[in-house]
């Protein structure tokens, strides 16, 4: 209604209602009949060498998720927890289940640069910090998709999200280049921009 909030709790409520207006918090369900996966494939995805390499790729002091564990803790303790971690992740994959604590994430609101009024909720953007163990499992699965399945060959060249070597700048350059070519040839260029609100 245009009035300023008077407490941290009220501020959080307003920010959440604006940024996560259509979010649904339905509890996850486990599949009754998990997709079959061979033990050889499980061993390949979660090979000890691949897991150790993935652990080493994290920035040691990267911001922690709700578990408060920064990657440096996992890296320093890896020789003591590597076997147990591998067993848990393999079982997660086999049963298609993610531990409840791994599903929790920490949302942070960051100010967007160049805004004139930071009393407005839309002057902020959100980032989500997940537990490092979830990010580790995501990473080895991604490596499997990239290197074992070579999934990059099956994605559209017009896809820029979630692809190595692609970025927002690359997408903008592609669009700008297309417009410039049309202008140079004195042709028409129709554009349509879609904005999605409330993303994580």
N, C-alpha and C. Protein backbone atom coordinates (compact mmCIF):
# COMPACT_ATOMS: atom_id res chain seq x y z
N UNK A 1 0.80 -1.21 0.00
CA UNK A 1 0.00 0.00 0.00
C UNK A 1 0.84 1.27 0.00
N UNK A 2 2.16 1.13 -0.12
CA UNK A 2 3.03 2.29 -0.19
C UNK A 2 3.64 2.70 1.14
N UNK A 3 3.18 2.11 2.26
CA UNK A 3 3.74 2.42 3.57
C UNK A 3 5.01 1.62 3.82
N UNK A 4 5.95 2.19 4.57
CA UNK A 4 7.18 1.49 4.91
C UNK A 4 6.91 0.45 6.00
N UNK A 5 7.65 -0.62 5.97
CA UNK A 5 7.52 -1.64 7.01
C UNK A 5 8.14 -1.13 8.31
N UNK A 6 7.75 -1.74 9.41
CA UNK A 6 8.22 -1.27 10.72
C UNK A 6 9.03 -2.32 11.48
N UNK A 7 9.23 -3.50 10.89
CA UNK A 7 10.02 -4.54 11.56
C UNK A 7 10.67 -5.43 10.52
N UNK A 8 11.69 -6.17 10.95
CA UNK A 8 12.38 -7.09 10.05
C UNK A 8 11.44 -8.17 9.55
N UNK A 9 10.56 -8.64 10.44
CA UNK A 9 9.62 -9.70 10.06
C UNK A 9 8.66 -9.21 8.98
N UNK A 10 8.19 -7.98 9.14
CA UNK A 10 7.26 -7.41 8.16
C UNK A 10 7.96 -7.18 6.82
N UNK A 11 9.21 -6.74 6.88
CA UNK A 11 9.99 -6.55 5.65
C UNK A 11 10.15 -7.87 4.91
N UNK A 12 10.50 -8.93 5.64
CA UNK A 12 10.68 -10.24 5.03
C UNK A 12 9.38 -10.73 4.40
N UNK A 13 8.27 -10.50 5.09
CA UNK A 13 6.97 -10.93 4.56
C UNK A 13 6.64 -10.22 3.25
N UNK A 14 6.93 -8.92 3.19
CA UNK A 14 6.67 -8.16 1.96
C UNK A 14 7.58 -8.63 0.83
N UNK A 15 8.87 -8.80 1.13
CA UNK A 15 9.82 -9.22 0.11
C UNK A 15 9.46 -10.60 -0.44
N UNK A 16 9.08 -11.50 0.45
CA UNK A 16 8.71 -12.85 0.01
C UNK A 16 7.45 -12.83 -0.84
N UNK A 17 6.49 -11.99 -0.47
CA UNK A 17 5.24 -11.94 -1.23
C UNK A 17 5.44 -11.38 -2.62
N UNK A 18 6.45 -10.52 -2.79
CA UNK A 18 6.72 -9.93 -4.10
C UNK A 18 7.58 -10.87 -4.96
N UNK A 19 8.63 -11.40 -4.36
CA UNK A 19 9.59 -12.20 -5.14
C UNK A 19 9.17 -13.65 -5.30
N UNK A 20 8.36 -14.17 -4.40
CA UNK A 20 7.95 -15.57 -4.47
C UNK A 20 6.44 -15.68 -4.41
N UNK A 21 5.77 -14.79 -5.11
CA UNK A 21 4.32 -14.69 -5.05
C UNK A 21 3.63 -15.99 -5.43
N UNK A 22 4.14 -16.67 -6.45
CA UNK A 22 3.47 -17.86 -6.97
C UNK A 22 4.20 -19.14 -6.59
N UNK A 23 5.07 -19.05 -5.60
CA UNK A 23 5.82 -20.24 -5.19
C UNK A 23 4.88 -21.24 -4.50
N UNK A 24 5.15 -22.51 -4.76
CA UNK A 24 4.36 -23.58 -4.14
C UNK A 24 5.31 -24.46 -3.33
N UNK A 25 4.96 -24.68 -2.08
CA UNK A 25 5.83 -25.45 -1.19
C UNK A 25 5.25 -26.83 -0.91
N UNK A 26 4.82 -27.51 -1.96
CA UNK A 26 4.28 -28.86 -1.78
C UNK A 26 5.41 -29.81 -1.40
N UNK A 27 5.18 -30.69 -0.45
CA UNK A 27 6.24 -31.63 -0.04
C UNK A 27 6.59 -32.58 -1.19
N UNK A 28 7.88 -32.84 -1.39
CA UNK A 28 8.28 -33.74 -2.47
C UNK A 28 7.85 -35.17 -2.19
N UNK A 29 7.60 -35.91 -3.23
CA UNK A 29 7.22 -37.32 -3.10
C UNK A 29 8.23 -38.19 -3.81
N UNK A 30 8.46 -39.35 -3.25
CA UNK A 30 9.39 -40.29 -3.86
C UNK A 30 8.64 -41.18 -4.84
N UNK A 31 9.26 -41.51 -5.98
CA UNK A 31 8.58 -42.36 -6.96
C UNK A 31 8.35 -43.76 -6.41
N UNK A 32 7.18 -44.33 -6.75
CA UNK A 32 6.89 -45.70 -6.31
C UNK A 32 7.78 -46.71 -7.01
N UNK A 33 8.08 -46.44 -8.28
CA UNK A 33 8.93 -47.34 -9.06
C UNK A 33 10.07 -46.54 -9.68
N UNK A 34 11.16 -46.36 -8.92
CA UNK A 34 12.28 -45.58 -9.44
C UNK A 34 12.79 -46.14 -10.76
N UNK A 35 13.22 -45.23 -11.63
CA UNK A 35 13.76 -45.64 -12.92
C UNK A 35 14.98 -46.53 -12.69
N UNK A 36 15.02 -47.71 -13.30
CA UNK A 36 16.15 -48.62 -13.05
C UNK A 36 17.47 -48.04 -13.54
N UNK A 37 18.51 -48.27 -12.78
CA UNK A 37 19.84 -47.80 -13.14
C UNK A 37 20.84 -48.88 -12.76
N UNK A 38 21.78 -49.14 -13.64
CA UNK A 38 22.73 -50.23 -13.40
C UNK A 38 23.79 -49.81 -12.39
N UNK A 39 24.33 -50.80 -11.71
CA UNK A 39 25.36 -50.52 -10.73
C UNK A 39 26.62 -49.99 -11.40
N UNK A 40 26.89 -50.45 -12.61
CA UNK A 40 28.07 -49.95 -13.33
C UNK A 40 27.96 -48.46 -13.60
N UNK A 41 26.75 -48.01 -13.96
CA UNK A 41 26.56 -46.59 -14.23
C UNK A 41 26.67 -45.77 -12.94
N UNK A 42 26.09 -46.28 -11.87
CA UNK A 42 26.19 -45.60 -10.58
C UNK A 42 27.66 -45.44 -10.19
N UNK A 43 28.42 -46.52 -10.34
CA UNK A 43 29.85 -46.48 -9.99
C UNK A 43 30.62 -45.50 -10.87
N UNK A 44 30.19 -45.36 -12.11
CA UNK A 44 30.86 -44.44 -13.03
C UNK A 44 30.58 -42.99 -12.64
N UNK A 45 29.31 -42.69 -12.38
CA UNK A 45 28.94 -41.31 -12.03
C UNK A 45 29.61 -40.89 -10.73
N UNK A 46 29.61 -41.80 -9.75
CA UNK A 46 30.13 -41.46 -8.43
C UNK A 46 31.47 -42.14 -8.16
N UNK A 47 32.32 -42.16 -9.15
CA UNK A 47 33.64 -42.76 -8.96
C UNK A 47 34.41 -41.93 -7.93
N UNK A 48 35.23 -42.58 -7.11
CA UNK A 48 35.99 -41.83 -6.09
C UNK A 48 36.82 -40.70 -6.68
N UNK A 49 37.44 -40.93 -7.83
CA UNK A 49 38.27 -39.89 -8.44
C UNK A 49 37.42 -38.70 -8.88
N UNK A 50 36.26 -38.98 -9.47
CA UNK A 50 35.40 -37.90 -9.95
C UNK A 50 34.86 -37.07 -8.79
N UNK A 51 34.47 -37.74 -7.70
CA UNK A 51 33.97 -37.01 -6.53
C UNK A 51 35.07 -36.14 -5.93
N UNK A 52 36.27 -36.69 -5.83
CA UNK A 52 37.37 -35.92 -5.25
C UNK A 52 37.71 -34.71 -6.12
N UNK A 53 37.67 -34.91 -7.42
CA UNK A 53 37.93 -33.79 -8.33
C UNK A 53 36.85 -32.73 -8.20
N UNK A 54 35.59 -33.15 -8.07
CA UNK A 54 34.49 -32.20 -7.94
C UNK A 54 34.61 -31.39 -6.64
N UNK A 55 34.99 -32.05 -5.56
CA UNK A 55 35.18 -31.36 -4.28
C UNK A 55 36.23 -30.26 -4.42
N UNK A 56 37.28 -30.55 -5.18
CA UNK A 56 38.36 -29.58 -5.34
C UNK A 56 38.01 -28.38 -6.19
N UNK A 57 36.91 -28.45 -6.93
CA UNK A 57 36.55 -27.33 -7.81
C UNK A 57 35.82 -26.21 -7.08
N UNK A 58 35.34 -26.47 -5.87
CA UNK A 58 34.60 -25.44 -5.14
C UNK A 58 35.54 -24.38 -4.57
N UNK A 59 35.09 -23.13 -4.62
CA UNK A 59 35.81 -22.06 -3.94
C UNK A 59 35.74 -22.34 -2.44
N UNK A 60 36.89 -22.45 -1.76
CA UNK A 60 36.88 -22.88 -0.35
C UNK A 60 35.98 -22.07 0.56
N UNK A 61 35.95 -20.76 0.36
CA UNK A 61 35.20 -19.91 1.29
C UNK A 61 33.93 -19.33 0.67
N UNK A 62 33.41 -20.05 -0.31
CA UNK A 62 32.14 -19.64 -0.92
C UNK A 62 31.04 -19.63 0.14
N UNK A 63 30.10 -18.70 0.02
CA UNK A 63 29.04 -18.55 1.02
C UNK A 63 28.32 -19.87 1.27
N UNK A 64 28.02 -20.12 2.53
CA UNK A 64 27.39 -21.38 2.93
C UNK A 64 25.88 -21.30 2.83
N UNK A 65 25.26 -22.46 2.71
CA UNK A 65 23.80 -22.56 2.70
C UNK A 65 23.29 -22.65 4.13
N UNK A 66 22.06 -23.13 4.33
CA UNK A 66 21.48 -23.19 5.67
C UNK A 66 22.20 -24.15 6.61
N UNK A 67 23.02 -25.06 6.06
CA UNK A 67 23.78 -25.97 6.92
C UNK A 67 25.01 -25.30 7.52
N UNK A 68 25.34 -24.08 7.07
CA UNK A 68 26.48 -23.27 7.52
C UNK A 68 27.83 -23.88 7.14
N UNK A 69 27.84 -24.93 6.32
CA UNK A 69 29.09 -25.56 5.91
C UNK A 69 29.63 -24.89 4.65
N UNK A 70 30.80 -24.30 4.76
CA UNK A 70 31.48 -23.79 3.58
C UNK A 70 32.27 -24.93 2.96
N UNK A 71 32.56 -24.86 1.65
CA UNK A 71 33.27 -25.96 0.99
C UNK A 71 34.60 -26.33 1.66
N UNK A 72 35.26 -25.36 2.30
CA UNK A 72 36.55 -25.64 2.93
C UNK A 72 36.42 -26.75 3.97
N UNK A 73 35.28 -26.83 4.64
CA UNK A 73 35.08 -27.86 5.66
C UNK A 73 35.05 -29.24 5.01
N UNK A 74 34.32 -29.35 3.90
CA UNK A 74 34.24 -30.63 3.19
C UNK A 74 35.60 -31.00 2.61
N UNK A 75 36.30 -30.02 2.08
CA UNK A 75 37.61 -30.27 1.47
C UNK A 75 38.62 -30.76 2.50
N UNK A 76 38.65 -30.14 3.66
CA UNK A 76 39.60 -30.53 4.70
C UNK A 76 39.26 -31.90 5.30
N UNK A 77 37.97 -32.21 5.35
CA UNK A 77 37.55 -33.47 5.97
C UNK A 77 37.36 -34.60 4.95
N UNK A 78 37.65 -34.35 3.68
CA UNK A 78 37.28 -35.28 2.62
C UNK A 78 37.84 -36.69 2.83
N UNK A 79 39.07 -36.80 3.23
CA UNK A 79 39.66 -38.14 3.37
C UNK A 79 38.95 -38.96 4.45
N UNK A 80 38.27 -38.28 5.37
CA UNK A 80 37.56 -38.98 6.44
C UNK A 80 36.10 -39.27 6.09
N UNK A 81 35.53 -38.50 5.17
CA UNK A 81 34.09 -38.64 4.88
C UNK A 81 33.81 -39.10 3.45
N UNK A 82 34.85 -39.30 2.66
CA UNK A 82 34.63 -39.60 1.23
C UNK A 82 33.85 -40.88 1.00
N UNK A 83 34.14 -41.93 1.76
CA UNK A 83 33.45 -43.20 1.54
C UNK A 83 31.97 -43.11 1.94
N UNK A 84 31.71 -42.49 3.09
CA UNK A 84 30.32 -42.33 3.54
C UNK A 84 29.55 -41.42 2.59
N UNK A 85 30.19 -40.33 2.15
CA UNK A 85 29.53 -39.41 1.22
C UNK A 85 29.18 -40.11 -0.08
N UNK A 86 30.10 -40.90 -0.59
CA UNK A 86 29.86 -41.63 -1.85
C UNK A 86 28.70 -42.61 -1.68
N UNK A 87 28.66 -43.31 -0.56
CA UNK A 87 27.58 -44.27 -0.32
C UNK A 87 26.23 -43.56 -0.27
N UNK A 88 26.17 -42.42 0.41
CA UNK A 88 24.91 -41.68 0.52
C UNK A 88 24.44 -41.20 -0.85
N UNK A 89 25.37 -40.66 -1.64
CA UNK A 89 24.98 -40.12 -2.95
C UNK A 89 24.56 -41.22 -3.91
N UNK A 90 25.21 -42.34 -3.84
CA UNK A 90 24.81 -43.47 -4.70
C UNK A 90 23.42 -43.95 -4.32
N UNK A 91 23.14 -44.01 -3.03
CA UNK A 91 21.82 -44.45 -2.58
C UNK A 91 20.76 -43.40 -2.94
N UNK A 92 21.11 -42.12 -2.86
CA UNK A 92 20.20 -41.06 -3.29
C UNK A 92 19.78 -41.29 -4.74
N UNK A 93 20.77 -41.59 -5.57
CA UNK A 93 20.52 -41.76 -7.00
C UNK A 93 19.69 -43.01 -7.27
N UNK A 94 20.03 -44.08 -6.61
CA UNK A 94 19.32 -45.34 -6.82
C UNK A 94 17.85 -45.23 -6.44
N UNK A 95 17.57 -44.52 -5.37
CA UNK A 95 16.18 -44.41 -4.89
C UNK A 95 15.49 -43.14 -5.38
N UNK A 96 16.23 -42.30 -6.12
CA UNK A 96 15.72 -41.02 -6.60
C UNK A 96 15.17 -40.19 -5.45
N UNK A 97 15.97 -40.10 -4.41
CA UNK A 97 15.57 -39.40 -3.19
C UNK A 97 16.70 -38.47 -2.76
N UNK A 98 16.34 -37.24 -2.36
CA UNK A 98 17.30 -36.29 -1.82
C UNK A 98 16.98 -36.09 -0.34
N UNK A 99 17.97 -36.22 0.54
CA UNK A 99 17.72 -36.03 1.98
C UNK A 99 17.01 -34.71 2.25
N UNK A 100 16.10 -34.75 3.21
CA UNK A 100 15.29 -33.57 3.51
C UNK A 100 16.13 -32.34 3.82
N UNK A 101 17.18 -32.50 4.61
CA UNK A 101 18.01 -31.35 4.98
C UNK A 101 18.74 -30.76 3.78
N UNK A 102 18.99 -31.58 2.77
CA UNK A 102 19.67 -31.08 1.58
C UNK A 102 18.74 -30.22 0.73
N UNK A 103 17.44 -30.35 0.93
CA UNK A 103 16.47 -29.61 0.10
C UNK A 103 16.27 -28.18 0.60
N UNK A 104 16.72 -27.91 1.80
CA UNK A 104 16.57 -26.56 2.34
C UNK A 104 17.59 -25.62 1.70
N UNK A 105 17.19 -24.42 1.44
CA UNK A 105 18.11 -23.43 0.85
C UNK A 105 17.94 -22.09 1.56
N UNK A 106 18.93 -21.25 1.40
CA UNK A 106 18.94 -19.94 2.05
C UNK A 106 18.78 -18.87 0.97
N UNK A 107 17.69 -18.11 1.06
CA UNK A 107 17.45 -17.05 0.09
C UNK A 107 17.99 -15.72 0.60
N UNK A 108 18.68 -15.00 -0.26
CA UNK A 108 19.26 -13.71 0.11
C UNK A 108 18.82 -12.66 -0.90
N UNK A 109 18.44 -11.51 -0.40
CA UNK A 109 18.04 -10.40 -1.27
C UNK A 109 19.22 -9.46 -1.46
N UNK A 110 19.57 -9.21 -2.71
CA UNK A 110 20.68 -8.31 -3.03
C UNK A 110 20.15 -7.10 -3.79
N UNK A 111 20.66 -5.91 -3.46
CA UNK A 111 20.20 -4.70 -4.17
C UNK A 111 20.65 -4.70 -5.63
N UNK A 112 19.76 -4.34 -6.52
CA UNK A 112 20.10 -4.19 -7.92
C UNK A 112 20.83 -2.86 -8.10
N UNK A 113 21.93 -2.84 -8.83
CA UNK A 113 22.67 -1.59 -9.00
C UNK A 113 21.88 -0.57 -9.82
N UNK A 114 22.06 0.71 -9.48
CA UNK A 114 21.48 1.78 -10.27
C UNK A 114 20.04 2.11 -9.97
N UNK A 115 19.47 1.52 -8.93
CA UNK A 115 18.08 1.83 -8.60
C UNK A 115 18.02 3.12 -7.78
N UNK A 116 16.99 3.91 -8.02
CA UNK A 116 16.86 5.21 -7.33
C UNK A 116 16.16 5.09 -5.98
N UNK A 117 15.41 4.02 -5.77
CA UNK A 117 14.64 3.89 -4.53
C UNK A 117 14.74 2.46 -4.02
N UNK A 118 15.51 2.28 -2.96
CA UNK A 118 15.69 0.95 -2.40
C UNK A 118 14.66 0.64 -1.31
N UNK A 119 13.63 1.45 -1.22
CA UNK A 119 12.50 1.12 -0.36
C UNK A 119 11.50 0.23 -1.08
N UNK A 120 11.74 -0.01 -2.39
CA UNK A 120 10.84 -0.82 -3.19
C UNK A 120 11.36 -2.26 -3.27
N UNK A 121 10.53 -3.25 -3.02
CA UNK A 121 10.97 -4.65 -3.06
C UNK A 121 11.59 -5.05 -4.40
N UNK A 122 11.09 -4.48 -5.50
CA UNK A 122 11.59 -4.85 -6.82
C UNK A 122 12.96 -4.25 -7.12
N UNK A 123 13.49 -3.47 -6.18
CA UNK A 123 14.84 -2.93 -6.34
C UNK A 123 15.88 -3.94 -5.88
N UNK A 124 15.42 -5.15 -5.55
CA UNK A 124 16.31 -6.21 -5.09
C UNK A 124 16.13 -7.46 -5.95
N UNK A 125 17.15 -8.26 -6.00
CA UNK A 125 17.06 -9.56 -6.66
C UNK A 125 17.42 -10.63 -5.63
N UNK A 126 17.11 -11.87 -5.95
CA UNK A 126 17.37 -12.94 -4.99
C UNK A 126 18.42 -13.92 -5.52
N UNK A 127 19.19 -14.47 -4.59
CA UNK A 127 20.05 -15.60 -4.89
C UNK A 127 19.74 -16.69 -3.88
N UNK A 128 19.99 -17.92 -4.26
CA UNK A 128 19.68 -19.05 -3.38
C UNK A 128 20.96 -19.83 -3.08
N UNK A 129 21.23 -20.04 -1.81
CA UNK A 129 22.40 -20.80 -1.38
C UNK A 129 21.95 -22.17 -0.88
N UNK A 130 22.46 -23.20 -1.53
CA UNK A 130 22.09 -24.58 -1.17
C UNK A 130 23.21 -25.24 -0.38
N UNK A 131 22.91 -26.32 0.33
CA UNK A 131 23.95 -27.06 1.05
C UNK A 131 25.04 -27.55 0.10
N UNK A 132 26.26 -27.54 0.55
CA UNK A 132 27.38 -27.90 -0.31
C UNK A 132 27.29 -29.35 -0.77
N UNK A 133 26.70 -30.23 0.04
CA UNK A 133 26.58 -31.63 -0.36
C UNK A 133 25.62 -31.78 -1.55
N UNK A 134 24.55 -31.00 -1.56
CA UNK A 134 23.64 -31.03 -2.70
C UNK A 134 24.35 -30.53 -3.95
N UNK A 135 25.12 -29.45 -3.81
CA UNK A 135 25.84 -28.89 -4.95
C UNK A 135 26.89 -29.87 -5.47
N UNK A 136 27.47 -30.65 -4.57
CA UNK A 136 28.44 -31.65 -4.97
C UNK A 136 27.78 -32.75 -5.80
N UNK A 137 26.63 -33.23 -5.34
CA UNK A 137 25.93 -34.26 -6.10
C UNK A 137 25.46 -33.71 -7.44
N UNK A 138 24.95 -32.48 -7.46
CA UNK A 138 24.54 -31.86 -8.72
C UNK A 138 25.72 -31.78 -9.70
N UNK A 139 26.89 -31.48 -9.17
CA UNK A 139 28.06 -31.30 -10.04
C UNK A 139 28.47 -32.60 -10.72
N UNK A 140 28.51 -33.70 -9.98
CA UNK A 140 28.94 -34.95 -10.60
C UNK A 140 27.89 -35.46 -11.59
N UNK A 141 26.61 -35.19 -11.31
CA UNK A 141 25.56 -35.55 -12.27
C UNK A 141 25.70 -34.72 -13.54
N UNK A 142 26.00 -33.43 -13.36
CA UNK A 142 26.20 -32.55 -14.51
C UNK A 142 27.39 -33.01 -15.33
N UNK A 143 28.47 -33.39 -14.67
CA UNK A 143 29.64 -33.89 -15.40
C UNK A 143 29.30 -35.14 -16.19
N UNK A 144 28.48 -36.00 -15.61
CA UNK A 144 28.04 -37.21 -16.32
C UNK A 144 27.28 -36.83 -17.58
N UNK A 145 26.39 -35.84 -17.48
CA UNK A 145 25.60 -35.40 -18.62
C UNK A 145 26.49 -34.75 -19.69
N UNK A 146 27.48 -33.99 -19.23
CA UNK A 146 28.34 -33.26 -20.17
C UNK A 146 29.37 -34.16 -20.83
N UNK A 147 30.04 -34.99 -20.04
CA UNK A 147 31.18 -35.75 -20.55
C UNK A 147 30.82 -37.17 -20.99
N UNK A 148 29.95 -37.84 -20.24
CA UNK A 148 29.61 -39.21 -20.60
C UNK A 148 28.51 -39.25 -21.67
N UNK A 149 27.50 -38.39 -21.50
CA UNK A 149 26.38 -38.37 -22.44
C UNK A 149 26.57 -37.34 -23.55
N UNK A 150 27.55 -36.44 -23.36
CA UNK A 150 27.82 -35.39 -24.35
C UNK A 150 26.54 -34.64 -24.72
N UNK A 151 25.82 -34.23 -23.67
CA UNK A 151 24.50 -33.64 -23.87
C UNK A 151 24.55 -32.31 -24.62
N UNK A 152 25.70 -31.67 -24.64
CA UNK A 152 25.81 -30.38 -25.32
C UNK A 152 25.46 -30.49 -26.80
N UNK A 153 25.71 -31.66 -27.39
CA UNK A 153 25.41 -31.86 -28.81
C UNK A 153 23.91 -31.96 -29.07
N UNK A 154 23.14 -32.22 -28.01
CA UNK A 154 21.70 -32.41 -28.18
C UNK A 154 20.88 -31.18 -27.77
N UNK A 155 21.55 -30.12 -27.32
CA UNK A 155 20.84 -28.90 -26.93
C UNK A 155 20.87 -27.89 -28.06
N UNK A 156 19.86 -27.05 -28.09
CA UNK A 156 19.76 -26.04 -29.15
C UNK A 156 20.89 -25.03 -29.04
N UNK A 157 21.36 -24.56 -30.18
CA UNK A 157 22.39 -23.53 -30.19
C UNK A 157 21.84 -22.20 -29.67
N UNK A 158 20.51 -22.11 -29.58
CA UNK A 158 19.89 -20.89 -29.08
C UNK A 158 19.70 -20.91 -27.57
N UNK A 159 20.10 -22.01 -26.94
CA UNK A 159 20.02 -22.09 -25.49
C UNK A 159 21.30 -21.54 -24.88
N UNK A 160 21.16 -20.61 -23.95
CA UNK A 160 22.33 -20.01 -23.32
C UNK A 160 22.40 -20.33 -21.83
N UNK A 161 21.28 -20.70 -21.24
CA UNK A 161 21.28 -21.01 -19.82
C UNK A 161 21.84 -22.40 -19.54
N UNK A 162 22.59 -22.50 -18.43
CA UNK A 162 23.10 -23.79 -17.96
C UNK A 162 24.02 -24.47 -18.98
N UNK A 163 24.77 -23.65 -19.74
CA UNK A 163 25.72 -24.20 -20.71
C UNK A 163 27.07 -23.54 -20.49
N UNK A 164 28.10 -24.35 -20.46
CA UNK A 164 29.45 -23.84 -20.27
C UNK A 164 29.84 -22.93 -21.43
N UNK A 165 30.41 -21.79 -21.09
CA UNK A 165 30.85 -20.85 -22.11
C UNK A 165 29.76 -19.91 -22.58
N UNK A 166 28.56 -20.08 -22.06
CA UNK A 166 27.45 -19.19 -22.43
C UNK A 166 27.08 -18.31 -21.23
N UNK A 167 26.57 -17.14 -21.53
CA UNK A 167 26.24 -16.20 -20.47
C UNK A 167 25.17 -15.24 -20.94
N UNK A 168 24.74 -14.36 -20.04
CA UNK A 168 23.78 -13.33 -20.42
C UNK A 168 24.36 -12.44 -21.51
N UNK A 169 25.66 -12.13 -21.38
CA UNK A 169 26.31 -11.29 -22.38
C UNK A 169 26.32 -11.95 -23.75
N UNK A 170 26.54 -13.27 -23.77
CA UNK A 170 26.53 -13.99 -25.05
C UNK A 170 25.15 -13.97 -25.69
N UNK A 171 24.11 -14.10 -24.88
CA UNK A 171 22.74 -14.06 -25.40
C UNK A 171 22.42 -12.68 -25.96
N UNK A 172 22.82 -11.64 -25.24
CA UNK A 172 22.57 -10.27 -25.71
C UNK A 172 23.34 -9.98 -26.99
N UNK A 173 24.56 -10.49 -27.07
CA UNK A 173 25.37 -10.29 -28.28
C UNK A 173 24.70 -10.96 -29.48
N UNK A 174 24.15 -12.14 -29.26
CA UNK A 174 23.47 -12.86 -30.34
C UNK A 174 22.28 -12.06 -30.87
N UNK A 175 21.47 -11.53 -29.93
CA UNK A 175 20.30 -10.75 -30.33
C UNK A 175 20.72 -9.47 -31.03
N UNK A 176 21.71 -8.77 -30.47
CA UNK A 176 22.19 -7.52 -31.07
C UNK A 176 22.73 -7.74 -32.47
N UNK A 177 23.48 -8.82 -32.63
CA UNK A 177 24.05 -9.14 -33.94
C UNK A 177 22.95 -9.39 -34.97
N UNK A 178 21.89 -10.10 -34.55
CA UNK A 178 20.78 -10.39 -35.45
C UNK A 178 20.07 -9.09 -35.88
N UNK A 179 19.84 -8.21 -34.90
CA UNK A 179 19.17 -6.93 -35.22
C UNK A 179 20.03 -6.10 -36.17
N UNK A 180 21.32 -6.04 -35.90
CA UNK A 180 22.21 -5.25 -36.75
C UNK A 180 22.25 -5.78 -38.18
N UNK A 181 22.21 -7.09 -38.32
CA UNK A 181 22.21 -7.67 -39.68
C UNK A 181 20.94 -7.29 -40.42
N UNK A 182 19.79 -7.33 -39.71
CA UNK A 182 18.53 -6.97 -40.36
C UNK A 182 18.52 -5.49 -40.77
N UNK A 183 19.04 -4.63 -39.89
CA UNK A 183 19.09 -3.20 -40.21
C UNK A 183 19.99 -2.95 -41.41
N UNK A 184 21.13 -3.62 -41.44
CA UNK A 184 22.08 -3.43 -42.55
C UNK A 184 21.46 -3.84 -43.88
N UNK A 185 20.57 -4.82 -43.87
CA UNK A 185 19.93 -5.29 -45.10
C UNK A 185 18.60 -4.62 -45.35
N UNK A 186 18.31 -3.58 -44.49
CA UNK A 186 17.05 -2.82 -44.61
C UNK A 186 15.83 -3.75 -44.54
N UNK A 187 15.91 -4.68 -43.61
CA UNK A 187 14.80 -5.61 -43.41
C UNK A 187 14.14 -5.35 -42.06
N UNK A 188 12.99 -5.95 -41.86
CA UNK A 188 12.22 -5.77 -40.62
C UNK A 188 12.66 -6.80 -39.58
N UNK A 189 12.72 -6.38 -38.34
CA UNK A 189 13.06 -7.27 -37.23
C UNK A 189 12.02 -7.11 -36.13
N UNK A 190 11.28 -8.17 -35.85
CA UNK A 190 10.25 -8.15 -34.82
C UNK A 190 10.82 -8.75 -33.54
N UNK A 191 10.64 -8.06 -32.43
CA UNK A 191 11.18 -8.57 -31.17
C UNK A 191 10.06 -8.76 -30.16
N UNK A 192 10.25 -9.73 -29.29
CA UNK A 192 9.29 -10.01 -28.23
C UNK A 192 10.07 -10.43 -26.99
N UNK A 193 9.92 -9.70 -25.90
CA UNK A 193 10.65 -9.99 -24.67
C UNK A 193 9.67 -10.47 -23.60
N UNK A 194 10.01 -11.56 -22.95
CA UNK A 194 9.19 -12.12 -21.88
C UNK A 194 9.96 -11.99 -20.57
N UNK A 195 9.29 -11.50 -19.55
CA UNK A 195 9.93 -11.35 -18.23
C UNK A 195 9.23 -12.26 -17.24
N UNK A 196 10.04 -13.09 -16.58
CA UNK A 196 9.46 -14.02 -15.60
C UNK A 196 9.75 -13.50 -14.20
N UNK A 197 8.70 -13.28 -13.43
CA UNK A 197 8.86 -12.77 -12.08
C UNK A 197 8.94 -13.91 -11.06
N UNK A 198 9.61 -13.59 -9.98
CA UNK A 198 9.62 -14.52 -8.84
C UNK A 198 10.52 -15.72 -9.04
N UNK A 199 11.51 -15.62 -9.91
CA UNK A 199 12.41 -16.77 -10.09
C UNK A 199 13.33 -16.88 -8.89
N UNK A 200 13.89 -18.08 -8.68
CA UNK A 200 14.82 -18.28 -7.56
C UNK A 200 16.19 -17.82 -7.96
